[in-house]
Amino acid sequence: MEATILEPGTATPCVRFRLKARIFEVGYRTFQDFATKVGMHPVMLSKVLNGHLFPGPSLQRRIAEELGLTLRELRELL
C-alpha cells in the first residue's frame, strides 16, 4: 500500500474535535501522554489539534498508526 503525503486540510474546529476525541477513545488519559507516545512535544500537538500547525509525513504516519486510522481518515480530521 502506497502512503499518501497529506497536505494541510481545512477541517473546522468541530471536525478537529473528533480527532481530539479519538485520542481519548483509544485509551490516552491526556494529550501529553499521546504526544509522548508519538514522539512530539505537547505544545506541537496542541498546535496540530487546534489547526495552527500541520504535521509532516512521518509524524502523520505515527499519529495515524497510533490512532488506528488510515492516512486518509487522519486527513479528514486535520
N, C-alpha and C. Protein backbone atom coordinates (compact mmCIF):
# COMPACT_ATOMS: atom_id res chain seq x y z
N MET A 1 0.84 -1.17 0.00
CA MET A 1 0.00 0.00 0.00
C MET A 1 0.88 1.24 0.00
N GLU A 2 0.61 2.14 -0.89
CA GLU A 2 1.41 3.34 -1.02
C GLU A 2 0.91 4.41 -0.05
N ALA A 3 1.83 5.04 0.66
CA ALA A 3 1.47 6.10 1.60
C ALA A 3 1.21 7.39 0.84
N THR A 4 0.20 8.09 1.26
CA THR A 4 -0.13 9.37 0.68
C THR A 4 0.35 10.47 1.60
N ILE A 5 1.05 11.43 1.05
CA ILE A 5 1.51 12.55 1.85
C ILE A 5 0.35 13.53 1.96
N LEU A 6 0.02 13.88 3.18
CA LEU A 6 -1.11 14.76 3.40
C LEU A 6 -0.70 16.21 3.32
N GLU A 7 -1.59 17.01 2.77
CA GLU A 7 -1.38 18.45 2.73
C GLU A 7 -2.32 19.09 3.73
N PRO A 8 -2.04 20.32 4.12
CA PRO A 8 -2.90 20.98 5.09
C PRO A 8 -4.36 20.93 4.67
N GLY A 9 -5.19 20.56 5.61
CA GLY A 9 -6.62 20.47 5.36
C GLY A 9 -7.33 21.73 5.79
N THR A 10 -8.61 21.70 5.66
CA THR A 10 -9.42 22.85 6.04
C THR A 10 -10.46 22.42 7.06
N ALA A 11 -10.09 21.47 7.89
CA ALA A 11 -11.03 20.95 8.88
C ALA A 11 -11.48 22.07 9.82
N THR A 12 -12.75 22.05 10.11
CA THR A 12 -13.31 23.03 11.04
C THR A 12 -12.96 22.62 12.46
N PRO A 13 -13.09 23.54 13.40
CA PRO A 13 -12.83 23.17 14.80
C PRO A 13 -13.70 21.99 15.25
N CYS A 14 -14.90 21.91 14.74
CA CYS A 14 -15.80 20.81 15.10
C CYS A 14 -15.25 19.47 14.61
N VAL A 15 -14.69 19.46 13.41
CA VAL A 15 -14.10 18.24 12.87
C VAL A 15 -12.85 17.88 13.64
N ARG A 16 -12.02 18.87 13.94
CA ARG A 16 -10.80 18.59 14.72
C ARG A 16 -11.14 18.08 16.11
N PHE A 17 -12.30 18.45 16.62
CA PHE A 17 -12.75 17.92 17.91
C PHE A 17 -12.83 16.40 17.86
N ARG A 18 -13.21 15.84 16.69
CA ARG A 18 -13.28 14.39 16.55
C ARG A 18 -11.91 13.77 16.68
N LEU A 19 -10.87 14.46 16.21
CA LEU A 19 -9.51 13.96 16.38
C LEU A 19 -9.14 13.95 17.86
N LYS A 20 -9.49 15.01 18.56
CA LYS A 20 -9.22 15.07 20.00
C LYS A 20 -9.95 13.94 20.72
N ALA A 21 -11.20 13.71 20.35
CA ALA A 21 -11.99 12.65 20.98
C ALA A 21 -11.38 11.28 20.69
N ARG A 22 -10.87 11.09 19.48
CA ARG A 22 -10.26 9.81 19.10
C ARG A 22 -9.08 9.48 20.00
N ILE A 23 -8.31 10.48 20.36
CA ILE A 23 -7.16 10.26 21.24
C ILE A 23 -7.62 9.64 22.56
N PHE A 24 -8.71 10.14 23.09
CA PHE A 24 -9.24 9.58 24.34
C PHE A 24 -9.89 8.22 24.11
N GLU A 25 -10.54 8.04 22.97
CA GLU A 25 -11.21 6.77 22.66
C GLU A 25 -10.24 5.60 22.63
N VAL A 26 -9.02 5.84 22.17
CA VAL A 26 -8.05 4.75 22.09
C VAL A 26 -7.33 4.51 23.41
N GLY A 27 -7.67 5.30 24.43
CA GLY A 27 -7.16 5.00 25.76
C GLY A 27 -6.19 5.96 26.39
N TYR A 28 -5.88 7.05 25.73
CA TYR A 28 -4.96 8.03 26.33
C TYR A 28 -5.73 8.89 27.32
N ARG A 29 -5.13 9.11 28.47
CA ARG A 29 -5.78 9.93 29.50
C ARG A 29 -5.54 11.41 29.30
N THR A 30 -4.39 11.75 28.68
CA THR A 30 -4.07 13.15 28.43
C THR A 30 -3.45 13.30 27.04
N PHE A 31 -3.53 14.52 26.52
CA PHE A 31 -2.88 14.80 25.24
C PHE A 31 -1.36 14.69 25.40
N GLN A 32 -0.85 15.00 26.57
CA GLN A 32 0.59 14.90 26.81
C GLN A 32 1.05 13.45 26.69
N ASP A 33 0.27 12.51 27.21
CA ASP A 33 0.61 11.09 27.08
C ASP A 33 0.67 10.70 25.60
N PHE A 34 -0.30 11.16 24.84
CA PHE A 34 -0.33 10.83 23.41
C PHE A 34 0.86 11.45 22.70
N ALA A 35 1.15 12.71 23.00
CA ALA A 35 2.28 13.40 22.36
C ALA A 35 3.58 12.65 22.62
N THR A 36 3.78 12.23 23.84
CA THR A 36 4.98 11.48 24.20
C THR A 36 5.06 10.18 23.41
N LYS A 37 3.94 9.48 23.30
CA LYS A 37 3.91 8.20 22.59
C LYS A 37 4.28 8.34 21.12
N VAL A 38 3.80 9.40 20.46
CA VAL A 38 4.09 9.57 19.03
C VAL A 38 5.37 10.37 18.79
N GLY A 39 6.04 10.78 19.87
CA GLY A 39 7.34 11.43 19.73
C GLY A 39 7.29 12.90 19.36
N MET A 40 6.33 13.62 19.92
CA MET A 40 6.26 15.05 19.64
C MET A 40 6.09 15.81 20.95
N HIS A 41 6.44 17.06 20.93
CA HIS A 41 6.30 17.92 22.10
C HIS A 41 4.81 18.23 22.29
N PRO A 42 4.33 18.26 23.53
CA PRO A 42 2.92 18.56 23.77
C PRO A 42 2.45 19.90 23.18
N VAL A 43 3.33 20.90 23.15
CA VAL A 43 2.95 22.19 22.55
C VAL A 43 2.72 22.02 21.06
N MET A 44 3.56 21.22 20.42
CA MET A 44 3.38 20.96 18.99
C MET A 44 2.05 20.23 18.76
N LEU A 45 1.73 19.25 19.59
CA LEU A 45 0.46 18.54 19.45
C LEU A 45 -0.70 19.51 19.62
N SER A 46 -0.61 20.42 20.58
CA SER A 46 -1.66 21.41 20.78
C SER A 46 -1.87 22.23 19.51
N LYS A 47 -0.78 22.63 18.88
CA LYS A 47 -0.89 23.42 17.65
C LYS A 47 -1.53 22.61 16.53
N VAL A 48 -1.21 21.33 16.44
CA VAL A 48 -1.82 20.46 15.44
C VAL A 48 -3.32 20.32 15.72
N LEU A 49 -3.66 20.04 16.96
CA LEU A 49 -5.06 19.81 17.33
C LEU A 49 -5.92 21.06 17.17
N ASN A 50 -5.29 22.23 17.23
CA ASN A 50 -6.04 23.47 17.09
C ASN A 50 -5.93 24.09 15.70
N GLY A 51 -5.32 23.36 14.77
CA GLY A 51 -5.28 23.81 13.38
C GLY A 51 -4.25 24.86 13.07
N HIS A 52 -3.26 25.06 13.94
CA HIS A 52 -2.23 26.08 13.70
C HIS A 52 -0.96 25.51 13.07
N LEU A 53 -0.85 24.19 13.06
CA LEU A 53 0.34 23.53 12.54
C LEU A 53 -0.10 22.23 11.88
N PHE A 54 0.54 21.90 10.78
CA PHE A 54 0.21 20.65 10.09
C PHE A 54 1.41 19.72 10.20
N PRO A 55 1.20 18.49 10.68
CA PRO A 55 2.33 17.57 10.87
C PRO A 55 2.94 17.11 9.55
N GLY A 56 4.24 16.86 9.59
CA GLY A 56 4.94 16.34 8.42
C GLY A 56 4.57 14.89 8.16
N PRO A 57 5.01 14.34 7.03
CA PRO A 57 4.63 12.99 6.62
C PRO A 57 4.94 11.89 7.63
N SER A 58 6.13 11.90 8.23
CA SER A 58 6.46 10.82 9.16
C SER A 58 5.61 10.92 10.43
N LEU A 59 5.35 12.13 10.89
CA LEU A 59 4.52 12.32 12.07
C LEU A 59 3.06 11.95 11.76
N GLN A 60 2.60 12.25 10.56
CA GLN A 60 1.25 11.85 10.15
C GLN A 60 1.10 10.33 10.25
N ARG A 61 2.11 9.63 9.77
CA ARG A 61 2.05 8.16 9.81
C ARG A 61 2.01 7.65 11.25
N ARG A 62 2.85 8.23 12.12
CA ARG A 62 2.85 7.79 13.53
C ARG A 62 1.52 8.08 14.21
N ILE A 63 0.96 9.25 13.96
CA ILE A 63 -0.33 9.61 14.56
C ILE A 63 -1.42 8.66 14.07
N ALA A 64 -1.47 8.47 12.75
CA ALA A 64 -2.50 7.59 12.17
C ALA A 64 -2.38 6.18 12.72
N GLU A 65 -1.17 5.67 12.78
CA GLU A 65 -0.95 4.31 13.28
C GLU A 65 -1.38 4.18 14.74
N GLU A 66 -1.00 5.15 15.55
CA GLU A 66 -1.33 5.10 16.97
C GLU A 66 -2.83 5.21 17.22
N LEU A 67 -3.53 5.92 16.33
CA LEU A 67 -4.97 6.08 16.49
C LEU A 67 -5.78 5.04 15.73
N GLY A 68 -5.09 4.15 15.02
CA GLY A 68 -5.79 3.12 14.27
C GLY A 68 -6.55 3.67 13.08
N LEU A 69 -5.99 4.71 12.46
CA LEU A 69 -6.61 5.35 11.31
C LEU A 69 -5.74 5.18 10.07
N THR A 70 -6.36 5.28 8.92
CA THR A 70 -5.59 5.36 7.68
C THR A 70 -5.15 6.82 7.52
N LEU A 71 -4.20 7.04 6.63
CA LEU A 71 -3.78 8.42 6.38
C LEU A 71 -4.94 9.24 5.85
N ARG A 72 -5.78 8.64 5.04
CA ARG A 72 -6.96 9.35 4.51
C ARG A 72 -7.91 9.75 5.63
N GLU A 73 -8.16 8.82 6.56
CA GLU A 73 -9.04 9.13 7.69
C GLU A 73 -8.45 10.24 8.56
N LEU A 74 -7.15 10.18 8.77
CA LEU A 74 -6.50 11.23 9.55
C LEU A 74 -6.63 12.57 8.87
N ARG A 75 -6.43 12.60 7.56
CA ARG A 75 -6.53 13.87 6.81
C ARG A 75 -7.89 14.50 6.99
N GLU A 76 -8.92 13.70 7.04
CA GLU A 76 -10.27 14.25 7.22
C GLU A 76 -10.43 14.92 8.57
N LEU A 77 -9.60 14.54 9.53
CA LEU A 77 -9.69 15.11 10.87
C LEU A 77 -8.73 16.27 11.10
N LEU A 78 -7.82 16.47 10.17
CA LEU A 78 -6.86 17.58 10.30
C LEU A 78 -7.45 18.76 9.58
